[in-house]
N, C-alpha and C. Protein backbone atom coordinates (compact mmCIF):
# COMPACT_ATOMS: atom_id res chain seq x y z
N MET A 1 -52.54 -32.37 -58.81
CA MET A 1 -51.91 -31.17 -58.30
C MET A 1 -52.33 -29.99 -59.16
N ALA A 2 -52.71 -28.92 -58.53
CA ALA A 2 -53.12 -27.72 -59.25
C ALA A 2 -51.91 -26.99 -59.80
N ASN A 3 -52.08 -26.40 -60.96
CA ASN A 3 -51.00 -25.62 -61.56
C ASN A 3 -50.98 -24.24 -60.93
N LEU A 4 -49.91 -23.94 -60.23
CA LEU A 4 -49.79 -22.67 -59.55
C LEU A 4 -48.66 -21.86 -60.15
N ARG A 5 -48.90 -20.57 -60.32
CA ARG A 5 -47.88 -19.68 -60.86
C ARG A 5 -46.92 -19.29 -59.75
N ASN A 6 -45.64 -19.41 -60.00
CA ASN A 6 -44.61 -19.03 -59.04
C ASN A 6 -44.44 -17.52 -59.09
N GLU A 7 -44.98 -16.81 -58.11
CA GLU A 7 -44.92 -15.35 -58.11
C GLU A 7 -43.50 -14.83 -57.92
N ASN A 8 -42.61 -15.64 -57.38
CA ASN A 8 -41.22 -15.24 -57.18
C ASN A 8 -40.30 -15.91 -58.20
N GLY A 9 -40.85 -16.23 -59.36
CA GLY A 9 -40.09 -16.94 -60.38
C GLY A 9 -39.12 -16.05 -61.13
N THR A 10 -38.65 -16.55 -62.24
CA THR A 10 -37.62 -15.86 -63.01
C THR A 10 -38.17 -15.10 -64.21
N CYS A 11 -39.48 -15.09 -64.39
CA CYS A 11 -40.08 -14.42 -65.54
C CYS A 11 -40.23 -12.93 -65.25
N GLY A 12 -39.52 -12.13 -66.00
CA GLY A 12 -39.60 -10.68 -65.82
C GLY A 12 -40.65 -10.01 -66.68
N CYS A 13 -41.11 -10.71 -67.73
CA CYS A 13 -42.06 -10.09 -68.65
C CYS A 13 -43.51 -10.35 -68.25
N GLY A 14 -43.73 -11.35 -67.39
CA GLY A 14 -45.08 -11.65 -66.95
C GLY A 14 -45.87 -12.56 -67.87
N ARG A 15 -45.26 -13.08 -68.91
CA ARG A 15 -45.97 -13.92 -69.87
C ARG A 15 -46.01 -15.39 -69.50
N SER A 16 -45.07 -15.84 -68.70
CA SER A 16 -44.98 -17.27 -68.40
C SER A 16 -46.11 -17.71 -67.47
N PRO A 17 -46.82 -18.76 -67.84
CA PRO A 17 -47.89 -19.25 -66.96
C PRO A 17 -47.36 -19.86 -65.67
N THR A 18 -46.08 -20.25 -65.66
CA THR A 18 -45.51 -20.86 -64.45
C THR A 18 -44.82 -19.85 -63.55
N GLY A 19 -44.48 -18.68 -64.08
CA GLY A 19 -43.73 -17.69 -63.33
C GLY A 19 -42.24 -17.78 -63.57
N ASP A 20 -41.78 -18.90 -64.14
CA ASP A 20 -40.37 -19.05 -64.49
C ASP A 20 -40.19 -18.81 -65.98
N CYS A 21 -39.06 -18.23 -66.34
CA CYS A 21 -38.81 -17.89 -67.74
C CYS A 21 -38.83 -19.13 -68.62
N ILE A 22 -39.64 -19.09 -69.67
CA ILE A 22 -39.70 -20.18 -70.65
C ILE A 22 -39.48 -19.65 -72.07
N GLY A 23 -39.01 -18.41 -72.16
CA GLY A 23 -38.67 -17.84 -73.46
C GLY A 23 -39.81 -17.13 -74.16
N TRP A 24 -40.95 -17.02 -73.54
CA TRP A 24 -42.09 -16.38 -74.20
C TRP A 24 -41.90 -14.88 -74.36
N HIS A 25 -40.88 -14.30 -73.74
CA HIS A 25 -40.58 -12.87 -73.92
C HIS A 25 -40.16 -12.59 -75.35
N MET A 26 -39.70 -13.62 -76.07
CA MET A 26 -39.24 -13.45 -77.45
C MET A 26 -40.39 -13.49 -78.46
N LEU A 27 -41.59 -13.86 -78.02
CA LEU A 27 -42.73 -13.94 -78.93
C LEU A 27 -43.24 -12.55 -79.27
N THR A 28 -43.73 -12.40 -80.50
CA THR A 28 -44.40 -11.15 -80.86
C THR A 28 -45.72 -11.10 -80.11
N ASP A 29 -46.33 -9.92 -80.08
CA ASP A 29 -47.63 -9.80 -79.42
C ASP A 29 -48.65 -10.75 -80.03
N GLU A 30 -48.60 -10.90 -81.35
CA GLU A 30 -49.53 -11.79 -82.04
C GLU A 30 -49.28 -13.25 -81.66
N GLU A 31 -48.00 -13.65 -81.61
CA GLU A 31 -47.67 -15.02 -81.24
C GLU A 31 -48.10 -15.31 -79.80
N TYR A 32 -47.85 -14.36 -78.91
CA TYR A 32 -48.25 -14.55 -77.52
C TYR A 32 -49.77 -14.62 -77.39
N ALA A 33 -50.47 -13.76 -78.11
CA ALA A 33 -51.93 -13.75 -78.06
C ALA A 33 -52.53 -15.05 -78.58
N SER A 34 -51.79 -15.74 -79.46
CA SER A 34 -52.31 -16.98 -80.04
C SER A 34 -52.12 -18.18 -79.11
N LYS A 35 -51.36 -18.01 -78.03
CA LYS A 35 -51.17 -19.11 -77.08
C LYS A 35 -52.52 -19.45 -76.45
N THR A 36 -52.86 -20.72 -76.47
CA THR A 36 -54.14 -21.17 -75.93
C THR A 36 -53.96 -21.69 -74.51
N GLU A 37 -55.05 -21.95 -73.87
CA GLU A 37 -54.99 -22.56 -72.54
C GLU A 37 -54.28 -23.91 -72.61
N ALA A 38 -54.47 -24.62 -73.71
CA ALA A 38 -53.80 -25.92 -73.89
C ALA A 38 -52.29 -25.72 -73.96
N ASP A 39 -51.83 -24.67 -74.64
CA ASP A 39 -50.40 -24.38 -74.70
C ASP A 39 -49.85 -24.12 -73.30
N LYS A 40 -50.58 -23.35 -72.55
CA LYS A 40 -50.15 -23.00 -71.19
C LYS A 40 -50.16 -24.23 -70.29
N GLU A 41 -51.15 -25.08 -70.45
CA GLU A 41 -51.24 -26.32 -69.67
C GLU A 41 -50.06 -27.24 -70.01
N ALA A 42 -49.66 -27.27 -71.27
CA ALA A 42 -48.55 -28.11 -71.70
C ALA A 42 -47.25 -27.69 -71.03
N VAL A 43 -47.10 -26.41 -70.73
CA VAL A 43 -45.89 -25.92 -70.05
C VAL A 43 -45.78 -26.57 -68.68
N PHE A 44 -46.91 -26.67 -67.97
CA PHE A 44 -46.90 -27.30 -66.64
C PHE A 44 -46.58 -28.79 -66.76
N GLU A 45 -47.16 -29.45 -67.76
CA GLU A 45 -46.94 -30.89 -67.94
C GLU A 45 -45.48 -31.19 -68.25
N GLN A 46 -44.84 -30.35 -69.07
CA GLN A 46 -43.44 -30.55 -69.42
C GLN A 46 -42.56 -30.38 -68.18
N GLY A 47 -42.94 -29.49 -67.30
CA GLY A 47 -42.16 -29.25 -66.10
C GLY A 47 -42.24 -30.39 -65.10
N GLU A 48 -43.29 -31.20 -65.19
CA GLU A 48 -43.47 -32.31 -64.27
C GLU A 48 -42.75 -33.58 -64.70
N SER A 49 -42.29 -33.63 -65.98
CA SER A 49 -41.64 -34.85 -66.46
C SER A 49 -40.17 -34.87 -66.18
């Protein structure tokens, strides 16, 4: 299954790769910039378990 961003999700800051709030709004710009594709992929995997 492809990882799709929920455009009508709960994320108001636009940082969540899923579209639903996962708390990334609390990260500093540097912390957010350091998120890798692997970090973003892990968010999808956690949501499937």
